[in-house]
N, C-alpha and C. Protein backbone atom coordinates (compact mmCIF):
# COMPACT_ATOMS: atom_id res chain seq x y z
N MET A 1 -55.67 70.98 -3.11
CA MET A 1 -55.49 69.94 -2.11
C MET A 1 -56.85 69.59 -1.50
N GLY A 2 -57.06 68.33 -1.26
CA GLY A 2 -58.33 67.86 -0.72
C GLY A 2 -58.48 68.12 0.75
N THR A 3 -59.67 67.96 1.24
CA THR A 3 -59.99 68.08 2.66
C THR A 3 -60.06 66.69 3.26
N PRO A 4 -59.44 66.46 4.41
CA PRO A 4 -59.54 65.14 5.03
C PRO A 4 -61.00 64.75 5.27
N LEU A 5 -61.30 63.47 5.05
CA LEU A 5 -62.64 62.96 5.31
C LEU A 5 -62.92 62.94 6.80
N HIS A 6 -64.19 63.03 7.15
CA HIS A 6 -64.59 62.91 8.54
C HIS A 6 -64.35 61.48 9.01
N GLN A 7 -64.20 61.30 10.31
CA GLN A 7 -63.91 59.99 10.87
C GLN A 7 -64.98 58.96 10.49
N ALA A 8 -66.23 59.37 10.39
CA ALA A 8 -67.30 58.43 10.02
C ALA A 8 -67.04 57.84 8.64
N ALA A 9 -66.57 58.65 7.71
CA ALA A 9 -66.26 58.15 6.37
C ALA A 9 -65.05 57.22 6.41
N LEU A 10 -64.03 57.59 7.17
CA LEU A 10 -62.86 56.73 7.30
C LEU A 10 -63.22 55.40 7.94
N ASP A 11 -64.11 55.45 8.92
CA ASP A 11 -64.57 54.21 9.55
C ASP A 11 -65.28 53.32 8.53
N GLN A 12 -66.16 53.91 7.72
CA GLN A 12 -66.92 53.13 6.74
C GLN A 12 -66.00 52.53 5.68
N LEU A 13 -65.01 53.27 5.26
CA LEU A 13 -64.13 52.79 4.19
C LEU A 13 -63.05 51.84 4.69
N PHE A 14 -62.56 52.06 5.92
CA PHE A 14 -61.40 51.30 6.38
C PHE A 14 -61.52 50.75 7.80
N VAL A 15 -61.65 51.63 8.78
CA VAL A 15 -61.48 51.25 10.18
C VAL A 15 -62.51 50.22 10.64
N GLN A 16 -63.78 50.45 10.34
CA GLN A 16 -64.83 49.54 10.76
C GLN A 16 -65.25 48.57 9.65
N ALA A 17 -64.76 48.77 8.45
CA ALA A 17 -65.12 47.91 7.32
C ALA A 17 -64.59 46.50 7.56
N ARG A 18 -65.36 45.53 7.11
CA ARG A 18 -65.02 44.13 7.34
C ARG A 18 -65.20 43.34 6.06
N THR A 19 -64.61 42.16 6.02
CA THR A 19 -64.85 41.22 4.94
C THR A 19 -66.06 40.38 5.32
N TYR A 20 -67.07 40.39 4.48
CA TYR A 20 -68.31 39.68 4.78
C TYR A 20 -68.39 38.36 4.01
N GLY A 21 -68.91 37.35 4.70
CA GLY A 21 -69.15 36.06 4.09
C GLY A 21 -70.63 35.76 3.94
N LYS A 22 -71.47 36.53 4.65
CA LYS A 22 -72.92 36.33 4.58
C LYS A 22 -73.57 37.69 4.33
N PHE A 23 -74.60 37.65 3.47
CA PHE A 23 -75.26 38.88 3.06
C PHE A 23 -76.76 38.76 3.20
N GLU A 24 -77.41 39.90 3.38
CA GLU A 24 -78.87 39.95 3.34
C GLU A 24 -79.34 39.52 1.95
N ALA A 25 -80.58 39.13 1.84
CA ALA A 25 -81.15 38.71 0.55
C ALA A 25 -81.47 39.91 -0.34
N THR A 26 -81.17 41.11 0.10
CA THR A 26 -81.45 42.33 -0.66
C THR A 26 -80.66 42.35 -1.96
N ALA A 27 -81.35 42.59 -3.06
CA ALA A 27 -80.71 42.63 -4.37
C ALA A 27 -79.82 43.87 -4.49
N VAL A 28 -78.82 43.76 -5.33
CA VAL A 28 -77.98 44.89 -5.71
C VAL A 28 -78.32 45.19 -7.16
N GLY A 29 -78.94 46.34 -7.38
CA GLY A 29 -79.46 46.67 -8.70
C GLY A 29 -78.42 47.14 -9.70
N ASP A 30 -78.84 47.20 -10.95
CA ASP A 30 -77.97 47.65 -12.03
C ASP A 30 -77.45 49.06 -11.80
N GLU A 31 -78.31 49.92 -11.27
CA GLU A 31 -77.90 51.32 -11.03
C GLU A 31 -76.75 51.37 -10.03
N THR A 32 -76.82 50.56 -8.99
CA THR A 32 -75.75 50.53 -7.99
C THR A 32 -74.46 49.99 -8.61
N LEU A 33 -74.57 48.96 -9.44
CA LEU A 33 -73.37 48.41 -10.09
C LEU A 33 -72.75 49.44 -11.03
N GLN A 34 -73.59 50.20 -11.71
CA GLN A 34 -73.06 51.24 -12.58
C GLN A 34 -72.40 52.34 -11.75
N GLN A 35 -73.02 52.74 -10.64
CA GLN A 35 -72.40 53.74 -9.75
C GLN A 35 -71.05 53.23 -9.25
N LEU A 36 -71.00 51.97 -8.93
CA LEU A 36 -69.76 51.36 -8.46
C LEU A 36 -68.66 51.53 -9.49
N TYR A 37 -68.96 51.18 -10.73
CA TYR A 37 -67.94 51.33 -11.77
C TYR A 37 -67.59 52.80 -12.00
N GLU A 38 -68.61 53.67 -11.99
CA GLU A 38 -68.35 55.10 -12.23
C GLU A 38 -67.43 55.70 -11.17
N LEU A 39 -67.41 55.14 -9.97
CA LEU A 39 -66.45 55.59 -8.95
C LEU A 39 -65.08 54.95 -9.15
N LEU A 40 -65.04 53.65 -9.29
CA LEU A 40 -63.75 52.97 -9.32
C LEU A 40 -62.91 53.34 -10.53
N LYS A 41 -63.54 53.72 -11.62
CA LYS A 41 -62.78 54.02 -12.84
C LYS A 41 -61.83 55.21 -12.69
N TRP A 42 -62.06 56.05 -11.67
CA TRP A 42 -61.22 57.23 -11.49
C TRP A 42 -59.92 56.93 -10.75
N GLY A 43 -59.78 55.74 -10.20
CA GLY A 43 -58.54 55.39 -9.52
C GLY A 43 -57.38 55.33 -10.50
N PRO A 44 -56.23 55.82 -10.11
CA PRO A 44 -55.10 55.86 -11.05
C PRO A 44 -54.56 54.48 -11.39
N THR A 45 -54.20 54.32 -12.66
CA THR A 45 -53.49 53.14 -13.15
C THR A 45 -52.36 53.63 -14.05
N ALA A 46 -51.37 52.79 -14.27
CA ALA A 46 -50.25 53.17 -15.14
C ALA A 46 -50.78 53.56 -16.51
N PHE A 47 -50.35 54.70 -16.98
CA PHE A 47 -50.75 55.23 -18.29
C PHE A 47 -52.26 55.42 -18.42
N ASN A 48 -52.99 55.44 -17.30
CA ASN A 48 -54.46 55.45 -17.33
C ASN A 48 -54.99 54.33 -18.21
N ALA A 49 -54.31 53.20 -18.20
CA ALA A 49 -54.63 52.09 -19.10
C ALA A 49 -55.85 51.30 -18.68
N GLN A 50 -56.19 51.29 -17.41
CA GLN A 50 -57.37 50.62 -16.90
C GLN A 50 -57.54 49.21 -17.47
N PRO A 51 -56.63 48.28 -17.13
CA PRO A 51 -56.74 46.92 -17.67
C PRO A 51 -57.80 46.06 -17.01
N GLY A 52 -58.42 46.53 -15.93
CA GLY A 52 -59.44 45.74 -15.23
C GLY A 52 -60.71 45.60 -16.06
N ARG A 53 -61.28 44.39 -16.01
CA ARG A 53 -62.57 44.12 -16.64
C ARG A 53 -63.43 43.41 -15.59
N TYR A 54 -64.73 43.60 -15.64
CA TYR A 54 -65.61 43.17 -14.55
C TYR A 54 -66.80 42.39 -15.10
N VAL A 55 -67.06 41.26 -14.50
CA VAL A 55 -68.26 40.50 -14.80
C VAL A 55 -69.04 40.39 -13.50
N PHE A 56 -70.23 40.99 -13.48
CA PHE A 56 -71.09 40.92 -12.30
C PHE A 56 -71.99 39.69 -12.45
N VAL A 57 -71.74 38.69 -11.63
CA VAL A 57 -72.46 37.43 -11.69
C VAL A 57 -73.60 37.51 -10.68
N ARG A 58 -74.83 37.53 -11.21
CA ARG A 58 -75.97 37.74 -10.33
C ARG A 58 -77.07 36.71 -10.54
N SER A 59 -77.30 36.28 -11.76
CA SER A 59 -78.40 35.35 -12.03
C SER A 59 -78.06 33.94 -11.56
N ALA A 60 -79.08 33.15 -11.34
CA ALA A 60 -78.88 31.75 -10.93
C ALA A 60 -78.10 30.99 -12.00
N GLU A 61 -78.36 31.28 -13.27
CA GLU A 61 -77.66 30.60 -14.36
C GLU A 61 -76.17 30.94 -14.35
N ALA A 62 -75.86 32.21 -14.14
CA ALA A 62 -74.45 32.63 -14.11
C ALA A 62 -73.74 32.06 -12.88
N LYS A 63 -74.45 32.03 -11.74
CA LYS A 63 -73.85 31.45 -10.53
C LYS A 63 -73.57 29.96 -10.74
N ALA A 64 -74.45 29.26 -11.47
CA ALA A 64 -74.24 27.84 -11.75
C ALA A 64 -72.99 27.65 -12.61
N ARG A 65 -72.72 28.58 -13.49
CA ARG A 65 -71.48 28.51 -14.30
C ARG A 65 -70.25 28.76 -13.44
N LEU A 66 -70.39 29.63 -12.45
CA LEU A 66 -69.27 29.98 -11.57
C LEU A 66 -68.96 28.87 -10.57
N GLU A 67 -69.97 28.20 -10.09
CA GLU A 67 -69.83 27.24 -8.99
C GLU A 67 -68.70 26.22 -9.16
N PRO A 68 -68.55 25.55 -10.30
CA PRO A 68 -67.50 24.53 -10.40
C PRO A 68 -66.08 25.06 -10.20
N ALA A 69 -65.89 26.35 -10.41
CA ALA A 69 -64.55 26.93 -10.26
C ALA A 69 -64.24 27.35 -8.83
N LEU A 70 -65.23 27.35 -7.94
CA LEU A 70 -65.05 27.82 -6.58
C LEU A 70 -64.44 26.75 -5.69
N SER A 71 -63.59 27.16 -4.76
CA SER A 71 -63.08 26.22 -3.77
C SER A 71 -64.23 25.82 -2.85
N ALA A 72 -64.11 24.68 -2.20
CA ALA A 72 -65.18 24.17 -1.34
C ALA A 72 -65.58 25.19 -0.28
N GLY A 73 -64.61 25.88 0.30
CA GLY A 73 -64.90 26.85 1.36
C GLY A 73 -65.57 28.11 0.88
N ASN A 74 -65.59 28.35 -0.42
CA ASN A 74 -66.18 29.58 -0.95
C ASN A 74 -67.51 29.37 -1.67
N LYS A 75 -67.90 28.11 -1.88
CA LYS A 75 -69.11 27.84 -2.67
C LYS A 75 -70.37 28.39 -2.01
N GLU A 76 -70.64 27.99 -0.79
CA GLU A 76 -71.91 28.36 -0.16
C GLU A 76 -72.08 29.87 -0.08
N LYS A 77 -71.06 30.57 0.39
CA LYS A 77 -71.20 32.01 0.56
C LYS A 77 -71.29 32.74 -0.78
N THR A 78 -70.62 32.22 -1.80
CA THR A 78 -70.66 32.87 -3.10
C THR A 78 -72.00 32.65 -3.79
N LEU A 79 -72.51 31.46 -3.70
CA LEU A 79 -73.80 31.18 -4.32
C LEU A 79 -74.93 31.94 -3.63
N ALA A 80 -74.78 32.24 -2.35
CA ALA A 80 -75.81 32.97 -1.61
C ALA A 80 -75.67 34.48 -1.72
N ALA A 81 -74.51 34.97 -2.12
CA ALA A 81 -74.30 36.42 -2.21
C ALA A 81 -75.16 37.02 -3.33
N PRO A 82 -75.65 38.24 -3.14
CA PRO A 82 -76.46 38.88 -4.18
C PRO A 82 -75.72 39.04 -5.51
N VAL A 83 -74.43 39.36 -5.43
CA VAL A 83 -73.61 39.56 -6.63
C VAL A 83 -72.20 39.07 -6.33
N THR A 84 -71.61 38.44 -7.32
CA THR A 84 -70.18 38.14 -7.26
C THR A 84 -69.55 38.81 -8.46
N VAL A 85 -68.51 39.59 -8.23
CA VAL A 85 -67.83 40.24 -9.34
C VAL A 85 -66.54 39.49 -9.63
N ILE A 86 -66.35 39.18 -10.90
CA ILE A 86 -65.08 38.64 -11.37
C ILE A 86 -64.27 39.83 -11.85
N VAL A 87 -63.13 40.05 -11.23
CA VAL A 87 -62.23 41.11 -11.68
C VAL A 87 -61.17 40.43 -12.53
N ALA A 88 -61.12 40.81 -13.79
CA ALA A 88 -60.19 40.21 -14.73
C ALA A 88 -59.25 41.27 -15.28
N GLN A 89 -58.24 40.80 -15.96
CA GLN A 89 -57.31 41.71 -16.63
C GLN A 89 -57.36 41.46 -18.13
N ASP A 90 -57.34 42.53 -18.88
CA ASP A 90 -57.40 42.48 -20.34
C ASP A 90 -55.98 42.45 -20.89
N SER A 91 -55.63 41.40 -21.61
CA SER A 91 -54.27 41.27 -22.15
C SER A 91 -54.02 42.22 -23.32
N ARG A 92 -55.07 42.88 -23.80
CA ARG A 92 -54.91 43.86 -24.88
C ARG A 92 -55.36 45.25 -24.42
N PHE A 93 -55.21 45.50 -23.12
CA PHE A 93 -55.66 46.77 -22.53
C PHE A 93 -55.09 47.98 -23.25
N PHE A 94 -53.88 47.86 -23.75
CA PHE A 94 -53.18 49.01 -24.34
C PHE A 94 -53.84 49.48 -25.64
N GLU A 95 -54.69 48.66 -26.23
CA GLU A 95 -55.41 49.09 -27.44
C GLU A 95 -56.36 50.25 -27.15
N HIS A 96 -56.72 50.43 -25.88
CA HIS A 96 -57.66 51.48 -25.50
C HIS A 96 -56.96 52.73 -24.99
N VAL A 97 -55.64 52.71 -24.92
CA VAL A 97 -54.89 53.87 -24.44
C VAL A 97 -54.85 54.93 -25.54
N ALA A 98 -55.14 56.16 -25.18
CA ALA A 98 -55.22 57.24 -26.17
C ALA A 98 -53.88 57.57 -26.81
N ASN A 99 -52.80 57.45 -26.06
CA ASN A 99 -51.48 57.84 -26.56
C ASN A 99 -50.90 56.73 -27.43
N PRO A 100 -50.69 56.99 -28.73
CA PRO A 100 -50.16 55.95 -29.61
C PRO A 100 -48.77 55.46 -29.21
N LYS A 101 -47.97 56.31 -28.57
CA LYS A 101 -46.63 55.89 -28.14
C LYS A 101 -46.72 54.82 -27.06
N ILE A 102 -47.72 54.92 -26.21
CA ILE A 102 -47.91 53.92 -25.16
C ILE A 102 -48.34 52.60 -25.79
N ARG A 103 -49.26 52.66 -26.74
CA ARG A 103 -49.67 51.43 -27.45
C ARG A 103 -48.46 50.77 -28.09
N GLU A 104 -47.64 51.58 -28.75
CA GLU A 104 -46.44 51.05 -29.41
C GLU A 104 -45.47 50.44 -28.40
N LEU A 105 -45.36 51.05 -27.22
CA LEU A 105 -44.48 50.52 -26.18
C LEU A 105 -44.87 49.09 -25.83
N PHE A 106 -46.15 48.84 -25.61
CA PHE A 106 -46.60 47.50 -25.24
C PHE A 106 -46.55 46.53 -26.41
N GLU A 107 -46.85 47.00 -27.60
CA GLU A 107 -46.76 46.13 -28.77
C GLU A 107 -45.32 45.69 -29.02
N ALA A 108 -44.36 46.58 -28.78
CA ALA A 108 -42.95 46.27 -29.00
C ALA A 108 -42.33 45.49 -27.84
N ASN A 109 -42.98 45.50 -26.67
CA ASN A 109 -42.44 44.84 -25.47
C ASN A 109 -43.51 43.96 -24.83
N PRO A 110 -43.83 42.82 -25.44
CA PRO A 110 -44.90 41.97 -24.91
C PRO A 110 -44.66 41.51 -23.47
N ALA A 111 -43.40 41.47 -23.02
CA ALA A 111 -43.12 41.04 -21.63
C ALA A 111 -43.63 42.06 -20.61
N LEU A 112 -43.92 43.27 -21.03
CA LEU A 112 -44.46 44.29 -20.12
C LEU A 112 -45.97 44.15 -19.89
N VAL A 113 -46.64 43.45 -20.79
CA VAL A 113 -48.10 43.43 -20.77
C VAL A 113 -48.64 42.74 -19.52
N ASP A 114 -48.25 41.49 -19.26
CA ASP A 114 -48.82 40.75 -18.13
C ASP A 114 -48.57 41.41 -16.78
N PRO A 115 -47.31 41.79 -16.47
CA PRO A 115 -47.13 42.41 -15.15
C PRO A 115 -47.88 43.74 -15.01
N THR A 116 -47.97 44.50 -16.08
CA THR A 116 -48.70 45.77 -16.02
C THR A 116 -50.19 45.51 -15.85
N ALA A 117 -50.73 44.55 -16.58
CA ALA A 117 -52.15 44.23 -16.47
C ALA A 117 -52.48 43.69 -15.08
N PHE A 118 -51.65 42.81 -14.56
CA PHE A 118 -51.92 42.23 -13.24
C PHE A 118 -51.83 43.29 -12.14
N ARG A 119 -50.75 44.05 -12.14
CA ARG A 119 -50.56 45.06 -11.09
C ARG A 119 -51.70 46.06 -11.08
N ASN A 120 -52.06 46.54 -12.26
CA ASN A 120 -53.06 47.61 -12.33
C ASN A 120 -54.49 47.10 -12.20
N SER A 121 -54.77 45.87 -12.63
CA SER A 121 -56.11 45.33 -12.36
C SER A 121 -56.25 45.01 -10.88
N SER A 122 -55.14 44.70 -10.21
CA SER A 122 -55.18 44.53 -8.75
C SER A 122 -55.49 45.85 -8.07
N LEU A 123 -54.88 46.93 -8.54
CA LEU A 123 -55.23 48.25 -8.02
C LEU A 123 -56.71 48.53 -8.23
N GLN A 124 -57.20 48.21 -9.41
CA GLN A 124 -58.60 48.47 -9.71
C GLN A 124 -59.53 47.63 -8.84
N ALA A 125 -59.11 46.43 -8.49
CA ALA A 125 -59.90 45.62 -7.56
C ALA A 125 -59.97 46.30 -6.19
N ALA A 126 -58.86 46.88 -5.76
CA ALA A 126 -58.86 47.61 -4.49
C ALA A 126 -59.77 48.84 -4.58
N TYR A 127 -59.74 49.53 -5.70
CA TYR A 127 -60.64 50.68 -5.87
C TYR A 127 -62.09 50.21 -5.83
N LEU A 128 -62.37 49.06 -6.41
CA LEU A 128 -63.72 48.51 -6.39
C LEU A 128 -64.17 48.29 -4.95
N ILE A 129 -63.31 47.74 -4.12
CA ILE A 129 -63.67 47.49 -2.72
C ILE A 129 -63.98 48.79 -2.00
N VAL A 130 -63.13 49.79 -2.17
CA VAL A 130 -63.35 51.07 -1.50
C VAL A 130 -64.61 51.75 -2.05
N ALA A 131 -64.81 51.70 -3.37
CA ALA A 131 -66.00 52.31 -3.96
C ALA A 131 -67.27 51.61 -3.47
N ALA A 132 -67.23 50.29 -3.37
CA ALA A 132 -68.39 49.55 -2.88
C ALA A 132 -68.72 49.98 -1.45
N ARG A 133 -67.71 50.07 -0.62
CA ARG A 133 -67.93 50.50 0.76
C ARG A 133 -68.47 51.93 0.81
N ALA A 134 -67.98 52.79 -0.08
CA ALA A 134 -68.46 54.17 -0.12
C ALA A 134 -69.94 54.23 -0.48
N LEU A 135 -70.41 53.26 -1.26
CA LEU A 135 -71.82 53.20 -1.66
C LEU A 135 -72.69 52.45 -0.66
N GLY A 136 -72.09 52.00 0.45
CA GLY A 136 -72.85 51.30 1.47
C GLY A 136 -72.92 49.79 1.27
N LEU A 137 -72.19 49.28 0.31
CA LEU A 137 -72.13 47.83 0.10
C LEU A 137 -71.05 47.23 0.98
N ASP A 138 -71.19 45.95 1.25
CA ASP A 138 -70.15 45.19 1.93
C ASP A 138 -69.52 44.25 0.90
N VAL A 139 -68.29 43.84 1.18
CA VAL A 139 -67.50 43.10 0.20
C VAL A 139 -66.84 41.90 0.86
N GLY A 140 -66.73 40.83 0.09
CA GLY A 140 -66.00 39.64 0.52
C GLY A 140 -65.08 39.19 -0.59
N PRO A 141 -63.87 39.78 -0.69
CA PRO A 141 -62.95 39.38 -1.76
C PRO A 141 -62.36 38.00 -1.50
N MET A 142 -62.06 37.27 -2.58
CA MET A 142 -61.55 35.91 -2.46
C MET A 142 -60.56 35.59 -3.58
N SER A 143 -59.64 34.70 -3.24
CA SER A 143 -58.76 34.13 -4.25
C SER A 143 -58.89 32.62 -4.30
N GLY A 144 -59.85 32.06 -3.58
CA GLY A 144 -60.05 30.61 -3.53
C GLY A 144 -60.91 30.11 -4.67
N PHE A 145 -60.32 29.92 -5.83
CA PHE A 145 -61.03 29.43 -6.99
C PHE A 145 -60.03 28.84 -7.98
N ASN A 146 -60.52 28.05 -8.90
CA ASN A 146 -59.70 27.47 -9.96
C ASN A 146 -59.68 28.46 -11.11
N ALA A 147 -58.59 29.19 -11.24
CA ALA A 147 -58.51 30.26 -12.24
C ALA A 147 -58.62 29.71 -13.65
N ASP A 148 -57.99 28.58 -13.93
CA ASP A 148 -58.06 28.02 -15.29
C ASP A 148 -59.50 27.68 -15.67
N LEU A 149 -60.22 27.05 -14.76
CA LEU A 149 -61.61 26.68 -15.03
C LEU A 149 -62.48 27.92 -15.17
N LEU A 150 -62.27 28.90 -14.29
CA LEU A 150 -63.04 30.14 -14.38
C LEU A 150 -62.78 30.84 -15.72
N ASN A 151 -61.51 30.90 -16.12
CA ASN A 151 -61.17 31.53 -17.40
C ASN A 151 -61.80 30.78 -18.57
N GLN A 152 -61.76 29.45 -18.54
CA GLN A 152 -62.37 28.66 -19.62
C GLN A 152 -63.87 28.92 -19.70
N THR A 153 -64.50 29.09 -18.54
CA THR A 153 -65.94 29.26 -18.48
C THR A 153 -66.38 30.66 -18.91
N PHE A 154 -65.70 31.67 -18.41
CA PHE A 154 -66.15 33.05 -18.65
C PHE A 154 -65.35 33.78 -19.73
N PHE A 155 -64.13 33.37 -19.97
CA PHE A 155 -63.26 34.07 -20.92
C PHE A 155 -62.59 33.09 -21.88
N PRO A 156 -63.37 32.32 -22.62
CA PRO A 156 -62.79 31.24 -23.42
C PRO A 156 -61.85 31.70 -24.53
N ASP A 157 -61.96 32.96 -24.96
CA ASP A 157 -61.06 33.41 -26.02
C ASP A 157 -59.67 33.76 -25.51
N GLY A 158 -59.50 33.80 -24.17
CA GLY A 158 -58.18 34.01 -23.59
C GLY A 158 -57.74 35.46 -23.46
N ARG A 159 -58.51 36.38 -23.98
CA ARG A 159 -58.10 37.79 -23.89
C ARG A 159 -58.12 38.29 -22.46
N TYR A 160 -59.14 37.92 -21.69
CA TYR A 160 -59.24 38.30 -20.28
C TYR A 160 -58.82 37.11 -19.44
N ARG A 161 -58.24 37.42 -18.27
CA ARG A 161 -57.88 36.40 -17.29
C ARG A 161 -58.27 36.91 -15.91
N VAL A 162 -58.85 36.03 -15.12
CA VAL A 162 -59.31 36.41 -13.80
C VAL A 162 -58.13 36.80 -12.91
N ASN A 163 -58.35 37.83 -12.11
CA ASN A 163 -57.40 38.25 -11.09
C ASN A 163 -57.92 37.79 -9.73
N LEU A 164 -59.15 38.20 -9.39
CA LEU A 164 -59.78 37.78 -8.14
C LEU A 164 -61.29 37.89 -8.29
N ILE A 165 -61.99 37.37 -7.31
CA ILE A 165 -63.44 37.52 -7.28
C ILE A 165 -63.83 38.12 -5.94
N ALA A 166 -65.01 38.74 -5.90
CA ALA A 166 -65.49 39.34 -4.65
C ALA A 166 -67.00 39.28 -4.61
N ASN A 167 -67.54 38.91 -3.47
CA ASN A 167 -68.98 38.94 -3.25
C ASN A 167 -69.36 40.35 -2.81
N LEU A 168 -70.51 40.81 -3.29
CA LEU A 168 -71.01 42.14 -2.98
C LEU A 168 -72.44 42.05 -2.47
N GLY A 169 -72.77 42.90 -1.54
CA GLY A 169 -74.14 42.97 -1.04
C GLY A 169 -74.18 43.76 0.25
N TYR A 170 -75.19 43.50 1.03
CA TYR A 170 -75.37 44.16 2.32
C TYR A 170 -75.13 43.09 3.38
N GLY A 171 -74.02 43.19 4.08
CA GLY A 171 -73.58 42.16 4.99
C GLY A 171 -74.52 41.94 6.16
N LEU A 172 -74.63 40.68 6.55
CA LEU A 172 -75.41 40.34 7.74
C LEU A 172 -74.61 40.68 8.99
N ALA A 173 -75.23 41.40 9.89
CA ALA A 173 -74.57 41.74 11.15
C ALA A 173 -74.14 40.45 11.85
N GLY A 174 -72.96 40.47 12.38
CA GLY A 174 -72.45 39.32 13.11
C GLY A 174 -71.81 38.26 12.23
N SER A 175 -71.84 38.43 10.90
CA SER A 175 -71.26 37.39 10.05
C SER A 175 -69.75 37.48 9.90
N PRO A 176 -69.13 38.64 10.03
CA PRO A 176 -67.67 38.62 9.92
C PRO A 176 -67.04 37.93 11.14
N ALA A 177 -65.94 37.28 10.91
CA ALA A 177 -65.17 36.70 12.01
C ALA A 177 -64.60 37.84 12.84
N PRO A 178 -64.18 37.56 14.08
CA PRO A 178 -63.54 38.61 14.87
C PRO A 178 -62.37 39.21 14.10
N ARG A 179 -62.20 40.49 14.25
CA ARG A 179 -61.15 41.20 13.52
C ARG A 179 -59.77 40.70 13.95
N ALA A 180 -58.97 40.37 12.98
CA ALA A 180 -57.60 39.96 13.24
C ALA A 180 -56.74 41.19 13.50
N GLU A 181 -55.69 41.00 14.26
CA GLU A 181 -54.76 42.09 14.54
C GLU A 181 -54.09 42.55 13.24
N ARG A 182 -53.65 43.77 13.24
CA ARG A 182 -52.91 44.33 12.11
C ARG A 182 -51.51 44.68 12.62
N LEU A 183 -50.56 44.62 11.73
CA LEU A 183 -49.19 45.00 12.08
C LEU A 183 -49.15 46.49 12.37
N GLY A 184 -48.32 46.88 13.32
CA GLY A 184 -48.17 48.28 13.69
C GLY A 184 -47.24 49.02 12.76
N PHE A 185 -47.33 50.33 12.81
CA PHE A 185 -46.52 51.21 11.98
C PHE A 185 -45.04 50.86 12.07
N GLU A 186 -44.54 50.69 13.28
CA GLU A 186 -43.12 50.43 13.49
C GLU A 186 -42.67 49.10 12.91
N GLN A 187 -43.62 48.17 12.75
CA GLN A 187 -43.29 46.84 12.23
C GLN A 187 -43.12 46.82 10.72
N VAL A 188 -43.75 47.74 10.02
CA VAL A 188 -43.78 47.64 8.56
C VAL A 188 -43.31 48.88 7.82
N VAL A 189 -43.05 49.96 8.54
CA VAL A 189 -42.74 51.22 7.89
C VAL A 189 -41.32 51.67 8.23
N GLU A 190 -40.66 52.17 7.21
CA GLU A 190 -39.37 52.81 7.40
C GLU A 190 -39.47 54.17 6.72
N VAL A 191 -39.18 55.23 7.46
CA VAL A 191 -39.21 56.57 6.91
C VAL A 191 -37.78 57.04 6.76
N LEU A 192 -37.40 57.34 5.55
CA LEU A 192 -36.00 57.75 5.27
C LEU A 192 -35.90 59.23 5.01
């Protein structure tokens, strides 16, 4: 059994963590992106299938490819962010599963593929956010984009499909909006 994290770690991961729209000009290096993946990959997914795929958009050329797919409200902050990650789902994720019975399950039941890929790549996106915060990065996840255009641009063969995008970097102090209220335990939880 694990040991509870200290309050400072909980604050960094959850309590004080914010969604950032503006970032310092500080670059996020390849080593940090690799550390990010090395952490997030350990998060559980169904059958350990890990359907999430990641494109770290950092260069000016790659940002120019991304720009047309962004909603008007997300363009400026995304183009200015040090890195934008496209979290996608692999429609053939089960080909990488070690257990042949699991591969056969998905091959025989194609209707299981999309919901499994979407649900578990969404989990992996959440792990990415927590891992980024654990590494001292700030995150600005978004769903404001044209998914069809983004898929045509970055995944033209159709195997991968975008789930969400998120800006990564070191957030500028004062850039998050005031924290919105959260629902209380009694409002959303039932213990049976």
